[in-house]
N, C-alpha and C. Protein backbone atom coordinates (compact mmCIF):
# COMPACT_ATOMS: atom_id res chain seq x y z
N MET A 1 15.21 11.62 -7.62
CA MET A 1 16.62 11.78 -7.89
C MET A 1 17.26 10.40 -7.86
N THR A 2 17.95 10.05 -8.90
CA THR A 2 18.66 8.79 -8.96
C THR A 2 20.16 9.06 -8.90
N ALA A 3 20.92 8.00 -8.74
CA ALA A 3 22.38 8.15 -8.67
C ALA A 3 22.93 8.78 -9.95
N SER A 4 22.28 8.50 -11.07
CA SER A 4 22.78 9.04 -12.33
C SER A 4 22.44 10.52 -12.51
N THR A 5 21.50 11.04 -11.74
CA THR A 5 21.12 12.45 -11.87
C THR A 5 21.70 13.32 -10.77
N LEU A 6 22.52 12.76 -9.90
CA LEU A 6 23.14 13.54 -8.84
C LEU A 6 24.20 14.48 -9.41
N THR A 7 24.20 15.68 -8.90
CA THR A 7 25.27 16.61 -9.27
C THR A 7 26.54 16.20 -8.54
N THR A 8 27.63 16.73 -8.97
CA THR A 8 28.91 16.42 -8.33
C THR A 8 28.90 16.86 -6.87
N SER A 9 28.32 18.03 -6.60
CA SER A 9 28.30 18.51 -5.21
C SER A 9 27.36 17.67 -4.35
N ASN A 10 26.25 17.22 -4.92
CA ASN A 10 25.35 16.35 -4.15
C ASN A 10 26.01 15.01 -3.86
N ARG A 11 26.68 14.47 -4.85
CA ARG A 11 27.39 13.19 -4.65
C ARG A 11 28.46 13.35 -3.56
N ALA A 12 29.19 14.45 -3.59
CA ALA A 12 30.22 14.69 -2.59
C ALA A 12 29.60 14.82 -1.20
N ALA A 13 28.46 15.50 -1.12
CA ALA A 13 27.78 15.65 0.17
C ALA A 13 27.31 14.30 0.71
N LEU A 14 26.76 13.47 -0.16
CA LEU A 14 26.31 12.14 0.27
C LEU A 14 27.48 11.29 0.73
N GLU A 15 28.55 11.30 -0.01
CA GLU A 15 29.73 10.52 0.36
C GLU A 15 30.33 11.02 1.69
N PHE A 16 30.37 12.34 1.86
CA PHE A 16 30.90 12.90 3.10
C PHE A 16 30.00 12.50 4.27
N TYR A 17 28.70 12.62 4.08
CA TYR A 17 27.75 12.26 5.13
C TYR A 17 27.94 10.80 5.54
N GLN A 18 28.00 9.90 4.56
CA GLN A 18 28.13 8.48 4.87
C GLN A 18 29.46 8.16 5.54
N SER A 19 30.51 8.83 5.13
CA SER A 19 31.82 8.53 5.71
C SER A 19 31.98 9.11 7.11
N ARG A 20 31.24 10.16 7.45
CA ARG A 20 31.40 10.82 8.75
C ARG A 20 30.24 10.56 9.73
N LEU A 21 29.25 9.78 9.31
CA LEU A 21 28.07 9.58 10.15
C LEU A 21 28.43 9.02 11.52
N ALA A 22 29.22 7.95 11.56
CA ALA A 22 29.59 7.34 12.85
C ALA A 22 30.37 8.33 13.71
N TYR A 23 31.25 9.08 13.10
CA TYR A 23 32.04 10.08 13.83
C TYR A 23 31.12 11.13 14.45
N VAL A 24 30.19 11.66 13.67
CA VAL A 24 29.29 12.70 14.17
C VAL A 24 28.38 12.14 15.25
N GLU A 25 27.91 10.90 15.09
CA GLU A 25 27.08 10.29 16.13
C GLU A 25 27.85 10.14 17.43
N GLY A 26 29.15 9.89 17.33
CA GLY A 26 29.97 9.71 18.52
C GLY A 26 30.47 11.01 19.14
N PHE A 27 30.85 11.97 18.31
CA PHE A 27 31.50 13.16 18.82
C PHE A 27 30.73 14.46 18.57
N GLY A 28 29.69 14.41 17.74
CA GLY A 28 28.90 15.60 17.47
C GLY A 28 29.46 16.41 16.31
N LEU A 29 28.66 17.33 15.84
CA LEU A 29 29.04 18.18 14.71
C LEU A 29 30.06 19.24 15.09
N SER A 30 30.13 19.59 16.36
CA SER A 30 30.99 20.71 16.76
C SER A 30 32.47 20.42 16.52
N ASN A 31 32.84 19.17 16.34
CA ASN A 31 34.23 18.82 16.08
C ASN A 31 34.60 18.94 14.61
N LEU A 32 33.63 19.29 13.79
CA LEU A 32 33.90 19.50 12.36
C LEU A 32 34.02 20.99 12.09
N GLU A 33 34.77 21.33 11.07
CA GLU A 33 34.87 22.73 10.64
C GLU A 33 33.55 23.12 9.99
N ARG A 34 33.27 24.43 9.93
CA ARG A 34 32.01 24.92 9.39
C ARG A 34 31.70 24.38 7.99
N PRO A 35 32.62 24.41 7.04
CA PRO A 35 32.30 23.88 5.70
C PRO A 35 31.95 22.38 5.74
N GLU A 36 32.60 21.65 6.65
CA GLU A 36 32.30 20.22 6.77
C GLU A 36 30.91 20.01 7.38
N ARG A 37 30.57 20.87 8.35
CA ARG A 37 29.22 20.77 8.95
C ARG A 37 28.15 21.03 7.90
N LEU A 38 28.38 22.04 7.06
CA LEU A 38 27.42 22.36 6.00
C LEU A 38 27.30 21.20 5.00
N LEU A 39 28.43 20.61 4.66
CA LEU A 39 28.43 19.48 3.73
C LEU A 39 27.71 18.27 4.34
N PHE A 40 27.97 18.03 5.62
CA PHE A 40 27.32 16.94 6.33
C PHE A 40 25.81 17.16 6.36
N LYS A 41 25.39 18.38 6.67
CA LYS A 41 23.97 18.72 6.72
C LYS A 41 23.31 18.53 5.35
N LYS A 42 24.00 18.93 4.30
CA LYS A 42 23.47 18.78 2.95
C LYS A 42 23.29 17.29 2.62
N GLY A 43 24.26 16.48 2.97
CA GLY A 43 24.16 15.03 2.74
C GLY A 43 23.01 14.42 3.52
N ARG A 44 22.86 14.85 4.78
CA ARG A 44 21.76 14.34 5.60
C ARG A 44 20.41 14.70 4.99
N LYS A 45 20.26 15.92 4.52
CA LYS A 45 19.00 16.37 3.90
C LYS A 45 18.71 15.58 2.62
N LEU A 46 19.74 15.29 1.84
CA LEU A 46 19.54 14.50 0.62
C LEU A 46 19.06 13.09 0.96
N ILE A 47 19.66 12.48 1.98
CA ILE A 47 19.25 11.15 2.42
C ILE A 47 17.81 11.18 2.92
N GLU A 48 17.49 12.18 3.76
CA GLU A 48 16.13 12.28 4.29
C GLU A 48 15.11 12.48 3.17
N ALA A 49 15.44 13.29 2.18
CA ALA A 49 14.53 13.52 1.06
C ALA A 49 14.33 12.24 0.25
N ALA A 50 15.39 11.49 0.06
CA ALA A 50 15.28 10.24 -0.69
C ALA A 50 14.42 9.23 0.06
N LEU A 51 14.60 9.14 1.38
CA LEU A 51 13.79 8.22 2.18
C LEU A 51 12.33 8.64 2.20
N ALA A 52 12.08 9.94 2.29
CA ALA A 52 10.70 10.43 2.31
C ALA A 52 10.00 10.14 0.99
N SER A 53 10.70 10.27 -0.11
CA SER A 53 10.07 10.02 -1.41
C SER A 53 9.90 8.54 -1.68
N ALA A 54 10.65 7.70 -0.99
CA ALA A 54 10.57 6.26 -1.21
C ALA A 54 9.45 5.61 -0.40
N LYS A 55 8.87 6.32 0.53
CA LYS A 55 7.80 5.75 1.34
C LYS A 55 6.60 5.44 0.46
N ALA A 56 5.96 4.34 0.75
CA ALA A 56 4.78 3.94 -0.02
C ALA A 56 3.64 4.94 0.24
N PRO A 57 2.88 5.22 -0.78
CA PRO A 57 1.74 6.12 -0.58
C PRO A 57 0.72 5.47 0.35
N THR A 58 -0.03 6.28 1.03
CA THR A 58 -1.05 5.72 1.90
C THR A 58 -2.14 5.11 1.04
N ARG A 59 -2.70 4.05 1.53
CA ARG A 59 -3.73 3.35 0.78
C ARG A 59 -5.05 3.48 1.50
N GLU A 60 -6.08 3.58 0.71
CA GLU A 60 -7.44 3.62 1.24
C GLU A 60 -7.88 2.18 1.47
N THR A 61 -8.20 1.85 2.69
CA THR A 61 -8.64 0.49 2.99
C THR A 61 -10.16 0.41 2.88
N TYR A 62 -10.64 -0.80 2.72
CA TYR A 62 -12.09 -1.03 2.66
C TYR A 62 -12.63 -1.17 4.07
N THR A 63 -13.77 -0.54 4.30
CA THR A 63 -14.43 -0.70 5.59
C THR A 63 -15.19 -2.01 5.59
N ASP A 64 -15.53 -2.51 6.77
CA ASP A 64 -16.33 -3.72 6.85
C ASP A 64 -17.69 -3.52 6.18
N VAL A 65 -18.23 -2.32 6.29
CA VAL A 65 -19.52 -2.02 5.68
C VAL A 65 -19.43 -2.16 4.16
N GLU A 66 -18.35 -1.66 3.57
CA GLU A 66 -18.17 -1.77 2.12
C GLU A 66 -18.04 -3.24 1.68
N VAL A 67 -17.25 -4.01 2.43
CA VAL A 67 -17.05 -5.41 2.06
C VAL A 67 -18.35 -6.20 2.26
N ARG A 68 -19.06 -5.91 3.34
CA ARG A 68 -20.34 -6.59 3.57
C ARG A 68 -21.30 -6.27 2.43
N PHE A 69 -21.31 -5.03 1.97
CA PHE A 69 -22.15 -4.65 0.83
C PHE A 69 -21.78 -5.50 -0.40
N MET A 70 -20.47 -5.66 -0.65
CA MET A 70 -20.03 -6.46 -1.80
C MET A 70 -20.45 -7.91 -1.66
N VAL A 71 -20.28 -8.49 -0.46
CA VAL A 71 -20.63 -9.90 -0.25
C VAL A 71 -22.13 -10.09 -0.46
N ARG A 72 -22.94 -9.22 0.13
CA ARG A 72 -24.40 -9.36 -0.02
C ARG A 72 -24.84 -9.16 -1.46
N THR A 73 -24.25 -8.18 -2.13
CA THR A 73 -24.59 -7.95 -3.54
C THR A 73 -24.17 -9.13 -4.39
N TYR A 74 -23.01 -9.68 -4.12
CA TYR A 74 -22.51 -10.85 -4.82
C TYR A 74 -23.49 -12.01 -4.68
N LEU A 75 -23.96 -12.23 -3.46
CA LEU A 75 -24.92 -13.31 -3.22
C LEU A 75 -26.27 -13.02 -3.88
N ASN A 76 -26.74 -11.78 -3.77
CA ASN A 76 -28.05 -11.41 -4.31
C ASN A 76 -28.10 -11.38 -5.84
N THR A 77 -26.95 -11.23 -6.48
CA THR A 77 -26.93 -11.19 -7.95
C THR A 77 -26.54 -12.54 -8.53
N GLY A 78 -26.53 -13.57 -7.72
CA GLY A 78 -26.16 -14.89 -8.21
C GLY A 78 -24.70 -15.00 -8.57
N ALA A 79 -23.86 -14.37 -7.81
CA ALA A 79 -22.40 -14.41 -7.98
C ALA A 79 -21.95 -13.68 -9.25
N ASP A 80 -22.70 -12.69 -9.67
CA ASP A 80 -22.33 -11.90 -10.85
C ASP A 80 -21.33 -10.83 -10.42
N MET A 81 -20.08 -11.05 -10.77
CA MET A 81 -19.02 -10.15 -10.34
C MET A 81 -19.14 -8.76 -10.98
N GLU A 82 -19.50 -8.71 -12.25
CA GLU A 82 -19.67 -7.41 -12.92
C GLU A 82 -20.79 -6.61 -12.28
N ALA A 83 -21.91 -7.28 -12.00
CA ALA A 83 -23.04 -6.59 -11.36
C ALA A 83 -22.67 -6.12 -9.96
N THR A 84 -21.87 -6.91 -9.27
CA THR A 84 -21.43 -6.53 -7.92
C THR A 84 -20.56 -5.27 -7.98
N ARG A 85 -19.65 -5.25 -8.94
CA ARG A 85 -18.78 -4.08 -9.07
C ARG A 85 -19.59 -2.84 -9.47
N ALA A 86 -20.52 -2.99 -10.40
CA ALA A 86 -21.35 -1.86 -10.82
C ALA A 86 -22.19 -1.35 -9.66
N ALA A 87 -22.77 -2.27 -8.89
CA ALA A 87 -23.59 -1.87 -7.74
C ALA A 87 -22.75 -1.14 -6.70
N TYR A 88 -21.50 -1.60 -6.52
CA TYR A 88 -20.62 -0.94 -5.55
C TYR A 88 -20.40 0.52 -5.94
N PHE A 89 -20.09 0.76 -7.21
CA PHE A 89 -19.83 2.14 -7.64
C PHE A 89 -21.11 2.97 -7.69
N ASP A 90 -22.26 2.32 -7.89
CA ASP A 90 -23.53 3.05 -7.81
C ASP A 90 -23.81 3.48 -6.38
N PHE A 91 -23.53 2.58 -5.44
CA PHE A 91 -23.84 2.85 -4.03
C PHE A 91 -22.78 3.74 -3.38
N TYR A 92 -21.54 3.62 -3.81
CA TYR A 92 -20.43 4.42 -3.27
C TYR A 92 -19.79 5.23 -4.40
N PRO A 93 -20.48 6.22 -4.93
CA PRO A 93 -19.95 6.94 -6.09
C PRO A 93 -18.72 7.81 -5.78
N ASP A 94 -18.54 8.21 -4.55
CA ASP A 94 -17.43 9.10 -4.20
C ASP A 94 -16.26 8.38 -3.53
N ASN A 95 -16.19 7.06 -3.68
CA ASN A 95 -15.09 6.33 -3.04
C ASN A 95 -13.81 6.55 -3.82
N SER A 96 -12.70 6.21 -3.22
CA SER A 96 -11.40 6.43 -3.86
C SER A 96 -10.79 5.16 -4.43
N HIS A 97 -11.53 4.06 -4.42
CA HIS A 97 -11.02 2.79 -4.93
C HIS A 97 -11.13 2.73 -6.45
N SER A 98 -10.14 2.15 -7.08
CA SER A 98 -10.18 1.98 -8.54
C SER A 98 -11.06 0.79 -8.89
N ALA A 99 -11.46 0.73 -10.13
CA ALA A 99 -12.27 -0.40 -10.60
C ALA A 99 -11.49 -1.71 -10.43
N SER A 100 -10.19 -1.66 -10.67
CA SER A 100 -9.35 -2.86 -10.51
C SER A 100 -9.29 -3.31 -9.05
N SER A 101 -9.20 -2.37 -8.15
CA SER A 101 -9.14 -2.70 -6.73
C SER A 101 -10.44 -3.36 -6.27
N VAL A 102 -11.57 -2.80 -6.70
CA VAL A 102 -12.86 -3.39 -6.34
C VAL A 102 -12.99 -4.78 -6.94
N TRP A 103 -12.56 -4.93 -8.18
CA TRP A 103 -12.61 -6.23 -8.83
C TRP A 103 -11.79 -7.27 -8.06
N MET A 104 -10.61 -6.89 -7.59
CA MET A 104 -9.78 -7.82 -6.82
C MET A 104 -10.45 -8.19 -5.50
N LYS A 105 -11.13 -7.24 -4.88
CA LYS A 105 -11.82 -7.56 -3.63
C LYS A 105 -12.95 -8.56 -3.90
N ILE A 106 -13.67 -8.35 -4.99
CA ILE A 106 -14.75 -9.28 -5.36
C ILE A 106 -14.15 -10.64 -5.74
N SER A 107 -13.00 -10.64 -6.38
CA SER A 107 -12.32 -11.89 -6.72
C SER A 107 -11.96 -12.68 -5.47
N ARG A 108 -11.63 -11.99 -4.41
CA ARG A 108 -11.33 -12.66 -3.15
C ARG A 108 -12.59 -13.30 -2.57
N ILE A 109 -13.71 -12.65 -2.78
CA ILE A 109 -14.98 -13.25 -2.35
C ILE A 109 -15.24 -14.51 -3.18
N ARG A 110 -15.05 -14.42 -4.49
CA ARG A 110 -15.27 -15.55 -5.39
C ARG A 110 -14.37 -16.73 -5.03
N THR A 111 -13.14 -16.45 -4.60
CA THR A 111 -12.21 -17.51 -4.21
C THR A 111 -12.79 -18.38 -3.10
N LEU A 112 -13.53 -17.77 -2.21
CA LEU A 112 -14.12 -18.51 -1.09
C LEU A 112 -15.42 -19.22 -1.46
N ASP A 113 -16.00 -18.89 -2.60
CA ASP A 113 -17.29 -19.43 -3.02
C ASP A 113 -17.11 -20.88 -3.47
N VAL A 114 -17.73 -21.81 -2.74
CA VAL A 114 -17.58 -23.24 -3.05
C VAL A 114 -18.27 -23.63 -4.36
N GLU A 115 -19.11 -22.78 -4.91
CA GLU A 115 -19.77 -23.08 -6.17
C GLU A 115 -18.86 -22.78 -7.37
N PHE A 116 -17.70 -22.18 -7.13
CA PHE A 116 -16.77 -21.85 -8.21
C PHE A 116 -15.38 -22.37 -7.87
N THR A 117 -15.28 -23.66 -7.68
CA THR A 117 -14.00 -24.25 -7.27
C THR A 117 -12.95 -24.21 -8.38
N GLY A 118 -13.36 -24.08 -9.64
CA GLY A 118 -12.41 -24.05 -10.74
C GLY A 118 -11.83 -22.68 -11.01
N ASP A 119 -12.32 -21.65 -10.34
CA ASP A 119 -11.82 -20.30 -10.55
C ASP A 119 -10.41 -20.14 -10.00
N THR A 120 -9.74 -19.12 -10.45
CA THR A 120 -8.41 -18.81 -9.93
C THR A 120 -8.51 -18.55 -8.44
N ALA A 121 -7.64 -19.16 -7.69
CA ALA A 121 -7.66 -19.02 -6.23
C ALA A 121 -6.81 -17.82 -5.84
N TRP A 122 -7.42 -16.65 -5.75
CA TRP A 122 -6.72 -15.44 -5.33
C TRP A 122 -6.45 -15.52 -3.84
N GLN A 123 -5.47 -14.80 -3.42
CA GLN A 123 -5.18 -14.72 -2.00
C GLN A 123 -6.30 -13.92 -1.35
N THR A 124 -6.81 -14.41 -0.24
CA THR A 124 -7.88 -13.70 0.45
C THR A 124 -7.30 -12.95 1.65
N ASP A 125 -8.15 -12.20 2.31
CA ASP A 125 -7.71 -11.50 3.51
C ASP A 125 -8.68 -11.80 4.63
N GLN A 126 -8.28 -11.51 5.84
CA GLN A 126 -9.09 -11.84 7.01
C GLN A 126 -10.43 -11.12 7.00
N GLN A 127 -10.44 -9.90 6.50
CA GLN A 127 -11.68 -9.13 6.47
C GLN A 127 -12.71 -9.84 5.59
N VAL A 128 -12.32 -10.23 4.40
CA VAL A 128 -13.24 -10.91 3.48
C VAL A 128 -13.68 -12.25 4.07
N GLU A 129 -12.74 -13.01 4.61
CA GLU A 129 -13.07 -14.31 5.18
C GLU A 129 -14.07 -14.17 6.33
N SER A 130 -13.85 -13.22 7.20
CA SER A 130 -14.73 -13.02 8.35
C SER A 130 -16.14 -12.64 7.90
N ILE A 131 -16.25 -11.73 6.97
CA ILE A 131 -17.57 -11.28 6.53
C ILE A 131 -18.28 -12.37 5.73
N CYS A 132 -17.56 -13.09 4.89
CA CYS A 132 -18.17 -14.20 4.15
C CYS A 132 -18.67 -15.28 5.11
N ARG A 133 -17.89 -15.56 6.14
CA ARG A 133 -18.30 -16.55 7.15
C ARG A 133 -19.58 -16.09 7.83
N ASP A 134 -19.68 -14.81 8.17
CA ASP A 134 -20.87 -14.28 8.83
C ASP A 134 -22.09 -14.32 7.91
N GLU A 135 -21.90 -14.03 6.65
CA GLU A 135 -23.03 -13.94 5.72
C GLU A 135 -23.58 -15.30 5.31
N ASP A 136 -22.70 -16.25 5.00
CA ASP A 136 -23.16 -17.57 4.54
C ASP A 136 -22.01 -18.55 4.65
N ALA A 137 -21.85 -19.13 5.83
CA ALA A 137 -20.72 -20.02 6.10
C ALA A 137 -20.71 -21.23 5.17
N ASP A 138 -21.87 -21.78 4.85
CA ASP A 138 -21.91 -22.96 3.98
C ASP A 138 -21.49 -22.59 2.55
N ARG A 139 -22.00 -21.50 2.06
CA ARG A 139 -21.69 -21.09 0.69
C ARG A 139 -20.21 -20.81 0.51
N PHE A 140 -19.56 -20.29 1.54
CA PHE A 140 -18.16 -19.93 1.43
C PHE A 140 -17.22 -20.94 2.08
N GLY A 141 -17.71 -22.12 2.36
CA GLY A 141 -16.86 -23.22 2.78
C GLY A 141 -16.31 -23.15 4.19
N PHE A 142 -17.07 -22.61 5.11
CA PHE A 142 -16.61 -22.54 6.50
C PHE A 142 -17.41 -23.47 7.36
């Protein structure tokens, strides 16, 4: 629901809620007449619904085991990013990560690889750095 799709009654409820919020927090709903309480409640529900829909979706994070698999495959395939991504999906066929997400994780590994200093320097994360350091500190510049 956007501001342009609000009905007149919804807009009135939101405006009433915003204008009376401090009053209700200080004195409670019982000091309002019944129609005002209903309008206030409707405005509150609209705000709560908007906030709930605005929350970011939960994201599936990579486990250390998955990242370690990528780092080892990357090293074993001679830094072949395509082969690493294909091997990941072969080994983890039921994962919820997109091909783009896996590619970005592998790109973070490549960023740390001292043999590819001319590549785009993607932002890395602590998980990738830690596992790369454990697997081959010299190769990844640690």
